[in-house]
PDB file of N, CA and C in Angstrom:
ATOM      1  N   MET A   1      -8.103  30.781 -26.673  1.00  0.00           N
ATOM      2  CA  MET A   1      -7.074  29.802 -26.912  1.00  0.00           C
ATOM      3  C   MET A   1      -6.646  29.239 -25.537  1.00  0.00           C
ATOM      4  N   ASP A   2      -6.777  27.939 -25.381  1.00  0.00           N
ATOM      5  CA  ASP A   2      -6.413  27.346 -24.097  1.00  0.00           C
ATOM      6  C   ASP A   2      -4.938  26.952 -24.085  1.00  0.00           C
ATOM      7  N   LEU A   3      -4.514  26.406 -22.981  1.00  0.00           N
ATOM      8  CA  LEU A   3      -3.106  26.069 -22.785  1.00  0.00           C
ATOM      9  C   LEU A   3      -2.624  25.004 -23.773  1.00  0.00           C
ATOM     10  N   GLN A   4      -3.456  24.023 -24.071  1.00  0.00           N
ATOM     11  CA  GLN A   4      -3.064  22.975 -25.023  1.00  0.00           C
ATOM     12  C   GLN A   4      -2.787  23.556 -26.412  1.00  0.00           C
ATOM     13  N   ASP A   5      -3.625  24.469 -26.844  1.00  0.00           N
ATOM     14  CA  ASP A   5      -3.417  25.099 -28.155  1.00  0.00           C
ATOM     15  C   ASP A   5      -2.144  25.929 -28.168  1.00  0.00           C
ATOM     16  N   GLN A   6      -1.871  26.633 -27.083  1.00  0.00           N
ATOM     17  CA  GLN A   6      -0.655  27.437 -27.005  1.00  0.00           C
ATOM     18  C   GLN A   6       0.582  26.544 -27.060  1.00  0.00           C
ATOM     19  N   LEU A   7       0.527  25.410 -26.365  1.00  0.00           N
ATOM     20  CA  LEU A   7       1.657  24.492 -26.388  1.00  0.00           C
ATOM     21  C   LEU A   7       1.865  23.890 -27.778  1.00  0.00           C
ATOM     22  N   LYS A   8       0.768  23.604 -28.487  1.00  0.00           N
ATOM     23  CA  LYS A   8       0.886  23.073 -29.844  1.00  0.00           C
ATOM     24  C   LYS A   8       1.517  24.103 -30.778  1.00  0.00           C
ATOM     25  N   ASN A   9       1.197  25.382 -30.565  1.00  0.00           N
ATOM     26  CA  ASN A   9       1.797  26.430 -31.381  1.00  0.00           C
ATOM     27  C   ASN A   9       3.289  26.581 -31.084  1.00  0.00           C
ATOM     28  N   LEU A  10       3.666  26.435 -29.826  1.00  0.00           N
ATOM     29  CA  LEU A  10       5.072  26.577 -29.447  1.00  0.00           C
ATOM     30  C   LEU A  10       5.902  25.376 -29.877  1.00  0.00           C
ATOM     31  N   PHE A  11       5.332  24.172 -29.759  1.00  0.00           N
ATOM     32  CA  PHE A  11       6.046  22.926 -30.059  1.00  0.00           C
ATOM     33  C   PHE A  11       5.218  22.086 -31.032  1.00  0.00           C
ATOM     34  N   PRO A  12       5.228  22.434 -32.314  1.00  0.00           N
ATOM     35  CA  PRO A  12       4.370  21.733 -33.270  1.00  0.00           C
ATOM     36  C   PRO A  12       4.792  20.279 -33.524  1.00  0.00           C
ATOM     37  N   GLU A  13       6.063  19.936 -33.332  1.00  0.00           N
ATOM     38  CA  GLU A  13       6.502  18.574 -33.620  1.00  0.00           C
ATOM     39  C   GLU A  13       6.302  17.626 -32.443  1.00  0.00           C
ATOM     40  N   HIS A  14       5.929  18.156 -31.292  1.00  0.00           N
ATOM     41  CA  HIS A  14       5.759  17.315 -30.101  1.00  0.00           C
ATOM     42  C   HIS A  14       4.461  16.513 -30.181  1.00  0.00           C
ATOM     43  N   VAL A  15       4.567  15.218 -29.890  1.00  0.00           N
ATOM     44  CA  VAL A  15       3.395  14.358 -29.838  1.00  0.00           C
ATOM     45  C   VAL A  15       3.097  14.071 -28.364  1.00  0.00           C
ATOM     46  N   PRO A  16       1.965  14.512 -27.853  1.00  0.00           N
ATOM     47  CA  PRO A  16       1.682  14.303 -26.429  1.00  0.00           C
ATOM     48  C   PRO A  16       1.431  12.830 -26.122  1.00  0.00           C
ATOM     49  N   GLU A  17       1.912  12.407 -24.961  1.00  0.00           N
ATOM     50  CA  GLU A  17       1.690  11.035 -24.517  1.00  0.00           C
ATOM     51  C   GLU A  17       0.308  10.933 -23.895  1.00  0.00           C
ATOM     52  N   ASP A  18      -0.240   9.729 -23.919  1.00  0.00           N
ATOM     53  CA  ASP A  18      -1.516   9.523 -23.257  1.00  0.00           C
ATOM     54  C   ASP A  18      -1.290   9.577 -21.755  1.00  0.00           C
ATOM     55  N   ILE A  19      -1.995  10.468 -21.111  1.00  0.00           N
ATOM     56  CA  ILE A  19      -1.856  10.628 -19.667  1.00  0.00           C
ATOM     57  C   ILE A  19      -2.986   9.851 -19.008  1.00  0.00           C
ATOM     58  N   GLU A  20      -2.597   8.878 -18.179  1.00  0.00           N
ATOM     59  CA  GLU A  20      -3.599   8.081 -17.479  1.00  0.00           C
ATOM     60  C   GLU A  20      -4.118   8.865 -16.289  1.00  0.00           C
ATOM     61  N   ASP A  21      -5.338   8.592 -15.906  1.00  0.00           N
ATOM     62  CA  ASP A  21      -5.940   9.262 -14.758  1.00  0.00           C
ATOM     63  C   ASP A  21      -5.374   8.644 -13.486  1.00  0.00           C
ATOM     64  N   THR A  22      -4.490   9.379 -12.822  1.00  0.00           N
ATOM     65  CA  THR A  22      -3.876   8.879 -11.593  1.00  0.00           C
ATOM     66  C   THR A  22      -4.538   9.460 -10.363  1.00  0.00           C
ATOM     67  N   SER A  23      -5.681  10.069 -10.521  1.00  0.00           N
ATOM     68  CA  SER A  23      -6.347  10.694  -9.386  1.00  0.00           C
ATOM     69  C   SER A  23      -7.350   9.755  -8.723  1.00  0.00           C
ATOM     70  N   GLU A  24      -7.065   8.451  -8.741  1.00  0.00           N
ATOM     71  CA  GLU A  24      -7.963   7.526  -8.086  1.00  0.00           C
ATOM     72  C   GLU A  24      -7.850   7.700  -6.580  1.00  0.00           C
ATOM     73  N   ASN A  25      -8.879   7.329  -5.870  1.00  0.00           N
ATOM     74  CA  ASN A  25      -8.898   7.517  -4.420  1.00  0.00           C
ATOM     75  C   ASN A  25      -7.810   6.704  -3.757  1.00  0.00           C
ATOM     76  N   SER A  26      -7.176   7.308  -2.758  1.00  0.00           N
ATOM     77  CA  SER A  26      -6.131   6.588  -2.033  1.00  0.00           C
ATOM     78  C   SER A  26      -6.741   5.460  -1.209  1.00  0.00           C
ATOM     79  N   GLU A  27      -8.030   5.560  -0.908  1.00  0.00           N
ATOM     80  CA  GLU A  27      -8.696   4.491  -0.163  1.00  0.00           C
ATOM     81  C   GLU A  27      -8.720   3.198  -0.979  1.00  0.00           C
ATOM     82  N   ASN A  28      -8.869   3.314  -2.276  1.00  0.00           N
ATOM     83  CA  ASN A  28      -8.942   2.131  -3.120  1.00  0.00           C
ATOM     84  C   ASN A  28      -7.574   1.548  -3.412  1.00  0.00           C
ATOM     85  N   SER A  29      -6.516   2.345  -3.255  1.00  0.00           N
ATOM     86  CA  SER A  29      -5.202   1.864  -3.621  1.00  0.00           C
ATOM     87  C   SER A  29      -4.493   1.146  -2.480  1.00  0.00           C
ATOM     88  N   ILE A  30      -5.019   1.232  -1.260  1.00  0.00           N
ATOM     89  CA  ILE A  30      -4.387   0.570  -0.121  1.00  0.00           C
ATOM     90  C   ILE A  30      -5.054  -0.777   0.092  1.00  0.00           C
ATOM     91  N   TRP A  31      -4.235  -1.801   0.269  1.00  0.00           N
ATOM     92  CA  TRP A  31      -4.734  -3.151   0.464  1.00  0.00           C
ATOM     93  C   TRP A  31      -5.294  -3.291   1.873  1.00  0.00           C
ATOM     94  N   LEU A  32      -6.537  -3.742   1.980  1.00  0.00           N
ATOM     95  CA  LEU A  32      -7.166  -3.940   3.281  1.00  0.00           C
ATOM     96  C   LEU A  32      -6.941  -5.374   3.727  1.00  0.00           C
ATOM     97  N   GLN A  33      -6.765  -5.556   5.022  1.00  0.00           N
ATOM     98  CA  GLN A  33      -6.453  -6.873   5.561  1.00  0.00           C
ATOM     99  C   GLN A  33      -7.546  -7.335   6.501  1.00  0.00           C
ATOM    100  N   ASP A  34      -7.530  -8.631   6.811  1.00  0.00           N
ATOM    101  CA  ASP A  34      -8.518  -9.200   7.716  1.00  0.00           C
ATOM    102  C   ASP A  34      -8.121  -9.016   9.174  1.00  0.00           C
ATOM    103  N   ASP A  35      -6.835  -9.161   9.489  1.00  0.00           N
ATOM    104  CA  ASP A  35      -6.362  -9.005  10.859  1.00  0.00           C
ATOM    105  C   ASP A  35      -6.373  -7.532  11.243  1.00  0.00           C
ATOM    106  N   PRO A  36      -6.680  -7.226  12.505  1.00  0.00           N
ATOM    107  CA  PRO A  36      -6.718  -5.815  12.905  1.00  0.00           C
ATOM    108  C   PRO A  36      -5.316  -5.209  13.014  1.00  0.00           C
ATOM    109  N   ILE A  37      -5.254  -3.909  12.779  1.00  0.00           N
ATOM    110  CA  ILE A  37      -4.032  -3.154  13.002  1.00  0.00           C
ATOM    111  C   ILE A  37      -4.011  -2.795  14.486  1.00  0.00           C
ATOM    112  N   ILE A  38      -2.879  -3.009  15.140  1.00  0.00           N
ATOM    113  CA  ILE A  38      -2.742  -2.743  16.558  1.00  0.00           C
ATOM    114  C   ILE A  38      -2.392  -1.271  16.748  1.00  0.00           C
ATOM    115  N   CYS A  39      -3.168  -0.563  17.549  1.00  0.00           N
ATOM    116  CA  CYS A  39      -2.935   0.847  17.847  1.00  0.00           C
ATOM    117  C   CYS A  39      -2.621   0.948  19.331  1.00  0.00           C
ATOM    118  N   LYS A  40      -1.360   1.258  19.667  1.00  0.00           N
ATOM    119  CA  LYS A  40      -0.995   1.295  21.081  1.00  0.00           C
ATOM    120  C   LYS A  40      -0.300   2.601  21.436  1.00  0.00           C
ATOM    121  N   TYR A  41      -0.274   2.851  22.727  1.00  0.00           N
ATOM    122  CA  TYR A  41       0.242   4.090  23.288  1.00  0.00           C
ATOM    123  C   TYR A  41       1.467   3.788  24.138  1.00  0.00           C
ATOM    124  N   GLU A  42       2.497   4.593  23.986  1.00  0.00           N
ATOM    125  CA  GLU A  42       3.705   4.450  24.798  1.00  0.00           C
ATOM    126  C   GLU A  42       4.230   5.826  25.138  1.00  0.00           C
ATOM    127  N   LYS A  43       5.138   5.853  26.108  1.00  0.00           N
ATOM    128  CA  LYS A  43       5.881   7.072  26.406  1.00  0.00           C
ATOM    129  C   LYS A  43       7.351   6.777  26.200  1.00  0.00           C
ATOM    130  N   ARG A  44       7.996   7.596  25.404  1.00  0.00           N
ATOM    131  CA  ARG A  44       9.429   7.468  25.177  1.00  0.00           C
ATOM    132  C   ARG A  44      10.075   8.796  25.549  1.00  0.00           C
ATOM    133  N   LYS A  45      11.012   8.708  26.476  1.00  0.00           N
ATOM    134  CA  LYS A  45      11.700   9.895  26.997  1.00  0.00           C
ATOM    135  C   LYS A  45      10.690  10.907  27.520  1.00  0.00           C
ATOM    136  N   GLY A  46       9.624  10.434  28.141  1.00  0.00           N
ATOM    137  CA  GLY A  46       8.615  11.301  28.729  1.00  0.00           C
ATOM    138  C   GLY A  46       7.607  11.869  27.765  1.00  0.00           C
ATOM    139  N   LYS A  47       7.734  11.570  26.485  1.00  0.00           N
ATOM    140  CA  LYS A  47       6.823  12.108  25.466  1.00  0.00           C
ATOM    141  C   LYS A  47       5.875  11.007  24.999  1.00  0.00           C
ATOM    142  N   PRO A  48       4.587  11.328  24.852  1.00  0.00           N
ATOM    143  CA  PRO A  48       3.626  10.311  24.386  1.00  0.00           C
ATOM    144  C   PRO A  48       3.744  10.066  22.889  1.00  0.00           C
ATOM    145  N   ILE A  49       3.617   8.804  22.488  1.00  0.00           N
ATOM    146  CA  ILE A  49       3.596   8.441  21.071  1.00  0.00           C
ATOM    147  C   ILE A  49       2.524   7.392  20.846  1.00  0.00           C
ATOM    148  N   THR A  50       2.036   7.320  19.641  1.00  0.00           N
ATOM    149  CA  THR A  50       1.071   6.311  19.219  1.00  0.00           C
ATOM    150  C   THR A  50       1.753   5.438  18.183  1.00  0.00           C
ATOM    151  N   ILE A  51       1.653   4.125  18.361  1.00  0.00           N
ATOM    152  CA  ILE A  51       2.312   3.185  17.458  1.00  0.00           C
ATOM    153  C   ILE A  51       1.255   2.333  16.766  1.00  0.00           C
ATOM    154  N   LEU A  52       1.367   2.208  15.442  1.00  0.00           N
ATOM    155  CA  LEU A  52       0.498   1.340  14.647  1.00  0.00           C
ATOM    156  C   LEU A  52       1.356   0.218  14.088  1.00  0.00           C
ATOM    157  N   GLU A  53       0.937  -1.014  14.300  1.00  0.00           N
ATOM    158  CA  GLU A  53       1.688  -2.154  13.783  1.00  0.00           C
ATOM    159  C   GLU A  53       0.720  -3.272  13.437  1.00  0.00           C
ATOM    160  N   GLY A  54       1.232  -4.247  12.706  1.00  0.00           N
ATOM    161  CA  GLY A  54       0.417  -5.405  12.357  1.00  0.00           C
ATOM    162  C   GLY A  54      -0.135  -5.373  10.944  1.00  0.00           C
ATOM    163  N   TYR A  55       0.341  -4.461  10.093  1.00  0.00           N
ATOM    164  CA  TYR A  55      -0.122  -4.398   8.712  1.00  0.00           C
ATOM    165  C   TYR A  55       0.616  -5.452   7.901  1.00  0.00           C
ATOM    166  N   THR A  56      -0.123  -6.249   7.132  1.00  0.00           N
ATOM    167  CA  THR A  56       0.488  -7.348   6.390  1.00  0.00           C
ATOM    168  C   THR A  56       0.569  -7.086   4.885  1.00  0.00           C
ATOM    169  N   GLY A  57       0.203  -5.898   4.443  1.00  0.00           N
ATOM    170  CA  GLY A  57       0.248  -5.578   3.017  1.00  0.00           C
ATOM    171  C   GLY A  57       1.627  -5.118   2.587  1.00  0.00           C
ATOM    172  N   ALA A  58       1.665  -4.422   1.474  1.00  0.00           N
ATOM    173  CA  ALA A  58       2.929  -3.936   0.918  1.00  0.00           C
ATOM    174  C   ALA A  58       3.485  -2.796   1.769  1.00  0.00           C
ATOM    175  N   THR A  59       4.797  -2.714   1.815  1.00  0.00           N
ATOM    176  CA  THR A  59       5.464  -1.685   2.602  1.00  0.00           C
ATOM    177  C   THR A  59       5.123  -0.295   2.085  1.00  0.00           C
ATOM    178  N   GLU A  60       5.044  -0.148   0.763  1.00  0.00           N
ATOM    179  CA  GLU A  60       4.734   1.152   0.174  1.00  0.00           C
ATOM    180  C   GLU A  60       3.329   1.623   0.575  1.00  0.00           C
ATOM    181  N   ASP A  61       2.378   0.696   0.676  1.00  0.00           N
ATOM    182  CA  ASP A  61       1.030   1.066   1.107  1.00  0.00           C
ATOM    183  C   ASP A  61       1.039   1.567   2.543  1.00  0.00           C
ATOM    184  N   PHE A  62       1.821   0.903   3.398  1.00  0.00           N
ATOM    185  CA  PHE A  62       1.885   1.292   4.800  1.00  0.00           C
ATOM    186  C   PHE A  62       2.565   2.653   4.938  1.00  0.00           C
ATOM    187  N   LYS A  63       3.573   2.921   4.116  1.00  0.00           N
ATOM    188  CA  LYS A  63       4.232   4.221   4.127  1.00  0.00           C
ATOM    189  C   LYS A  63       3.270   5.308   3.666  1.00  0.00           C
ATOM    190  N   GLN A  64       2.470   4.987   2.658  1.00  0.00           N
ATOM    191  CA  GLN A  64       1.477   5.945   2.170  1.00  0.00           C
ATOM    192  C   GLN A  64       0.436   6.232   3.252  1.00  0.00           C
ATOM    193  N   LEU A  65       0.027   5.193   3.966  1.00  0.00           N
ATOM    194  CA  LEU A  65      -0.924   5.365   5.055  1.00  0.00           C
ATOM    195  C   LEU A  65      -0.327   6.243   6.145  1.00  0.00           C
ATOM    196  N   ALA A  66       0.948   6.049   6.465  1.00  0.00           N
ATOM    197  CA  ALA A  66       1.621   6.873   7.468  1.00  0.00           C
ATOM    198  C   ALA A  66       1.622   8.339   7.043  1.00  0.00           C
ATOM    199  N   LYS A  67       1.908   8.576   5.787  1.00  0.00           N
ATOM    200  CA  LYS A  67       1.938   9.950   5.283  1.00  0.00           C
ATOM    201  C   LYS A  67       0.561  10.601   5.381  1.00  0.00           C
ATOM    202  N   GLU A  68      -0.481   9.867   5.009  1.00  0.00           N
ATOM    203  CA  GLU A  68      -1.834  10.404   5.066  1.00  0.00           C
ATOM    204  C   GLU A  68      -2.243  10.715   6.505  1.00  0.00           C
ATOM    205  N   LEU A  69      -1.912   9.818   7.433  1.00  0.00           N
ATOM    206  CA  LEU A  69      -2.260  10.047   8.839  1.00  0.00           C
ATOM    207  C   LEU A  69      -1.556  11.286   9.379  1.00  0.00           C
ATOM    208  N   LYS A  70      -0.284  11.424   9.075  1.00  0.00           N
ATOM    209  CA  LYS A  70       0.467  12.578   9.565  1.00  0.00           C
ATOM    210  C   LYS A  70      -0.089  13.877   8.996  1.00  0.00           C
ATOM    211  N   GLN A  71      -0.500  13.853   7.740  1.00  0.00           N
ATOM    212  CA  GLN A  71      -1.051  15.059   7.127  1.00  0.00           C
ATOM    213  C   GLN A  71      -2.415  15.403   7.713  1.00  0.00           C
ATOM    214  N   GLN A  72      -3.263  14.400   7.912  1.00  0.00           N
ATOM    215  CA  GLN A  72      -4.598  14.663   8.443  1.00  0.00           C
ATOM    216  C   GLN A  72      -4.558  15.141   9.887  1.00  0.00           C
ATOM    217  N   LEU A  73      -3.620  14.613  10.665  1.00  0.00           N
ATOM    218  CA  LEU A  73      -3.520  15.001  12.070  1.00  0.00           C
ATOM    219  C   LEU A  73      -2.609  16.205  12.281  1.00  0.00           C
ATOM    220  N   SER A  74      -1.869  16.602  11.268  1.00  0.00           N
ATOM    221  CA  SER A  74      -0.912  17.708  11.343  1.00  0.00           C
ATOM    222  C   SER A  74       0.099  17.495  12.463  1.00  0.00           C
ATOM    223  N   VAL A  75       0.669  16.304  12.497  1.00  0.00           N
ATOM    224  CA  VAL A  75       1.671  15.972  13.505  1.00  0.00           C
ATOM    225  C   VAL A  75       2.865  15.324  12.824  1.00  0.00           C
ATOM    226  N   GLY A  76       3.934  15.176  13.588  1.00  0.00           N
ATOM    227  CA  GLY A  76       5.115  14.503  13.081  1.00  0.00           C
ATOM    228  C   GLY A  76       5.032  13.013  13.344  1.00  0.00           C
ATOM    229  N   GLY A  77       5.914  12.290  12.736  1.00  0.00           N
ATOM    230  CA  GLY A  77       5.949  10.853  12.933  1.00  0.00           C
ATOM    231  C   GLY A  77       6.941  10.236  11.976  1.00  0.00           C
ATOM    232  N   SER A  78       7.012   8.917  12.028  1.00  0.00           N
ATOM    233  CA  SER A  78       7.939   8.218  11.154  1.00  0.00           C
ATOM    234  C   SER A  78       7.439   6.814  10.882  1.00  0.00           C
ATOM    235  N   TYR A  79       8.138   6.151   9.962  1.00  0.00           N
ATOM    236  CA  TYR A  79       7.866   4.757   9.632  1.00  0.00           C
ATOM    237  C   TYR A  79       9.160   4.000   9.845  1.00  0.00           C
ATOM    238  N   LYS A  80       9.157   3.077  10.819  1.00  0.00           N
ATOM    239  CA  LYS A  80      10.361   2.288  11.118  1.00  0.00           C
ATOM    240  C   LYS A  80       9.956   0.865  11.442  1.00  0.00           C
ATOM    241  N   ASP A  81      10.707  -0.091  10.937  1.00  0.00           N
ATOM    242  CA  ASP A  81      10.546  -1.498  11.299  1.00  0.00           C
ATOM    243  C   ASP A  81       9.092  -1.975  11.186  1.00  0.00           C
ATOM    244  N   ASP A  82       8.433  -1.662  10.079  1.00  0.00           N
ATOM    245  CA  ASP A  82       7.035  -2.039   9.842  1.00  0.00           C
ATOM    246  C   ASP A  82       6.098  -1.492  10.911  1.00  0.00           C
ATOM    247  N   LYS A  83       6.403  -0.328  11.448  1.00  0.00           N
ATOM    248  CA  LYS A  83       5.553   0.348  12.434  1.00  0.00           C
ATOM    249  C   LYS A  83       5.432   1.807  12.036  1.00  0.00           C
ATOM    250  N   ILE A  84       4.242   2.363  12.268  1.00  0.00           N
ATOM    251  CA  ILE A  84       4.041   3.794  12.102  1.00  0.00           C
ATOM    252  C   ILE A  84       4.093   4.398  13.500  1.00  0.00           C
ATOM    253  N   ILE A  85       4.952   5.399  13.687  1.00  0.00           N
ATOM    254  CA  ILE A  85       5.086   6.065  14.970  1.00  0.00           C
ATOM    255  C   ILE A  85       4.611   7.498  14.792  1.00  0.00           C
ATOM    256  N   ILE A  86       3.551   7.863  15.533  1.00  0.00           N
ATOM    257  CA  ILE A  86       2.964   9.193  15.474  1.00  0.00           C
ATOM    258  C   ILE A  86       3.255   9.897  16.791  1.00  0.00           C
ATOM    259  N   GLN A  87       3.716  11.142  16.718  1.00  0.00           N
ATOM    260  CA  GLN A  87       4.015  11.898  17.930  1.00  0.00           C
ATOM    261  C   GLN A  87       2.722  12.370  18.578  1.00  0.00           C
ATOM    262  N   GLY A  88       2.524  12.001  19.838  1.00  0.00           N
ATOM    263  CA  GLY A  88       1.340  12.404  20.581  1.00  0.00           C
ATOM    264  C   GLY A  88       0.358  11.258  20.733  1.00  0.00           C
ATOM    265  N   ASP A  89      -0.620  11.457  21.599  1.00  0.00           N
ATOM    266  CA  ASP A  89      -1.646  10.447  21.866  1.00  0.00           C
ATOM    267  C   ASP A  89      -2.866  10.745  20.999  1.00  0.00           C
ATOM    268  N   TYR A  90      -2.915  10.133  19.832  1.00  0.00           N
ATOM    269  CA  TYR A  90      -4.003  10.349  18.877  1.00  0.00           C
ATOM    270  C   TYR A  90      -4.728   9.046  18.572  1.00  0.00           C
ATOM    271  N   ARG A  91      -4.813   8.159  19.547  1.00  0.00           N
ATOM    272  CA  ARG A  91      -5.404   6.839  19.283  1.00  0.00           C
ATOM    273  C   ARG A  91      -6.836   6.931  18.788  1.00  0.00           C
ATOM    274  N   ASP A  92      -7.650   7.759  19.432  1.00  0.00           N
ATOM    275  CA  ASP A  92      -9.064   7.845  19.045  1.00  0.00           C
ATOM    276  C   ASP A  92      -9.228   8.385  17.627  1.00  0.00           C
ATOM    277  N   LYS A  93      -8.488   9.439  17.301  1.00  0.00           N
ATOM    278  CA  LYS A  93      -8.593  10.027  15.963  1.00  0.00           C
ATOM    279  C   LYS A  93      -8.063   9.076  14.898  1.00  0.00           C
ATOM    280  N   ILE A  94      -6.938   8.408  15.192  1.00  0.00           N
ATOM    281  CA  ILE A  94      -6.354   7.467  14.232  1.00  0.00           C
ATOM    282  C   ILE A  94      -7.294   6.298  14.002  1.00  0.00           C
ATOM    283  N   MET A  95      -7.884   5.788  15.080  1.00  0.00           N
ATOM    284  CA  MET A  95      -8.805   4.664  14.933  1.00  0.00           C
ATOM    285  C   MET A  95     -10.021   5.063  14.106  1.00  0.00           C
ATOM    286  N   ALA A  96     -10.526   6.280  14.283  1.00  0.00           N
ATOM    287  CA  ALA A  96     -11.667   6.754  13.496  1.00  0.00           C
ATOM    288  C   ALA A  96     -11.299   6.874  12.022  1.00  0.00           C
ATOM    289  N   ILE A  97     -10.104   7.404  11.734  1.00  0.00           N
ATOM    290  CA  ILE A  97      -9.654   7.563  10.347  1.00  0.00           C
ATOM    291  C   ILE A  97      -9.508   6.198   9.681  1.00  0.00           C
ATOM    292  N   LEU A  98      -8.875   5.248  10.389  1.00  0.00           N
ATOM    293  CA  LEU A  98      -8.653   3.923   9.822  1.00  0.00           C
ATOM    294  C   LEU A  98      -9.967   3.168   9.617  1.00  0.00           C
ATOM    295  N   LYS A  99     -10.910   3.328  10.535  1.00  0.00           N
ATOM    296  CA  LYS A  99     -12.213   2.672  10.365  1.00  0.00           C
ATOM    297  C   LYS A  99     -12.962   3.250   9.171  1.00  0.00           C
ATOM    298  N   ASP A 100     -12.826   4.556   8.942  1.00  0.00           N
ATOM    299  CA  ASP A 100     -13.441   5.171   7.762  1.00  0.00           C
ATOM    300  C   ASP A 100     -12.840   4.622   6.477  1.00  0.00           C
ATOM    301  N   LYS A 101     -11.556   4.262   6.511  1.00  0.00           N
ATOM    302  CA  LYS A 101     -10.893   3.695   5.337  1.00  0.00           C
ATOM    303  C   LYS A 101     -11.219   2.212   5.159  1.00  0.00           C
ATOM    304  N   GLY A 102     -11.814   1.578   6.170  1.00  0.00           N
ATOM    305  CA  GLY A 102     -12.206   0.182   6.047  1.00  0.00           C
ATOM    306  C   GLY A 102     -11.319  -0.793   6.787  1.00  0.00           C
ATOM    307  N   PHE A 103     -10.385  -0.300   7.594  1.00  0.00           N
ATOM    308  CA  PHE A 103      -9.497  -1.178   8.350  1.00  0.00           C
ATOM    309  C   PHE A 103     -10.148  -1.631   9.648  1.00  0.00           C
ATOM    310  N   ASN A 104      -9.743  -2.811  10.126  1.00  0.00           N
ATOM    311  CA  ASN A 104     -10.068  -3.255  11.467  1.00  0.00           C
ATOM    312  C   ASN A 104      -8.956  -2.769  12.373  1.00  0.00           C
ATOM    313  N   VAL A 105      -9.306  -2.123  13.492  1.00  0.00           N
ATOM    314  CA  VAL A 105      -8.313  -1.574  14.388  1.00  0.00           C
ATOM    315  C   VAL A 105      -8.570  -2.086  15.795  1.00  0.00           C
ATOM    316  N   LYS A 106      -7.498  -2.442  16.486  1.00  0.00           N
ATOM    317  CA  LYS A 106      -7.603  -2.924  17.849  1.00  0.00           C
ATOM    318  C   LYS A 106      -6.793  -2.002  18.747  1.00  0.00           C
ATOM    319  N   ARG A 107      -7.415  -1.494  19.801  1.00  0.00           N
ATOM    320  CA  ARG A 107      -6.751  -0.589  20.733  1.00  0.00           C
ATOM    321  C   ARG A 107      -6.073  -1.388  21.823  1.00  0.00           C
ATOM    322  N   VAL A 108      -4.802  -1.104  22.063  1.00  0.00           N
ATOM    323  CA  VAL A 108      -4.024  -1.832  23.066  1.00  0.00           C
ATOM    324  C   VAL A 108      -3.412  -0.811  24.029  1.00  0.00           C
ATOM    325  N   GLY A 109      -3.529  -1.065  25.326  1.00  0.00           N
ATOM    326  CA  GLY A 109      -2.903  -0.225  26.335  1.00  0.00           C
ATOM    327  C   GLY A 109      -3.721   0.987  26.688  1.00  0.00           C
ATOM    328  N   GLY A 110      -3.972   1.136  27.962  1.00  0.00           N
ATOM    329  CA  GLY A 110      -4.650   2.310  28.550  1.00  0.00           C
ATOM    330  C   GLY A 110      -5.922   2.680  27.962  1.00  0.00           C
TER     331      GLY A 110
END
């Protein structure tokens, strides 16, 4: 007896809703643009940071991209003023990740 059968026995009057497959790839859900994303390096208060800017798609897509980058790199960061700020100098890794997703990336500074 699987979990669905057990639930039907416990709640016989419940009608299950159709569950859509939401496990589509995150690569397909982010809007790709023609203009390159600018990847630049700065130091703030003596600490290195990487800034990504120039995304022209939806704000939610850019926030999702920021979350994915932070998780893949295992670093902290934030999303402010249409910019992704990543703690540390990860330009090469970020550019490789974005190119794998299909983005055009332009390296600026140093």
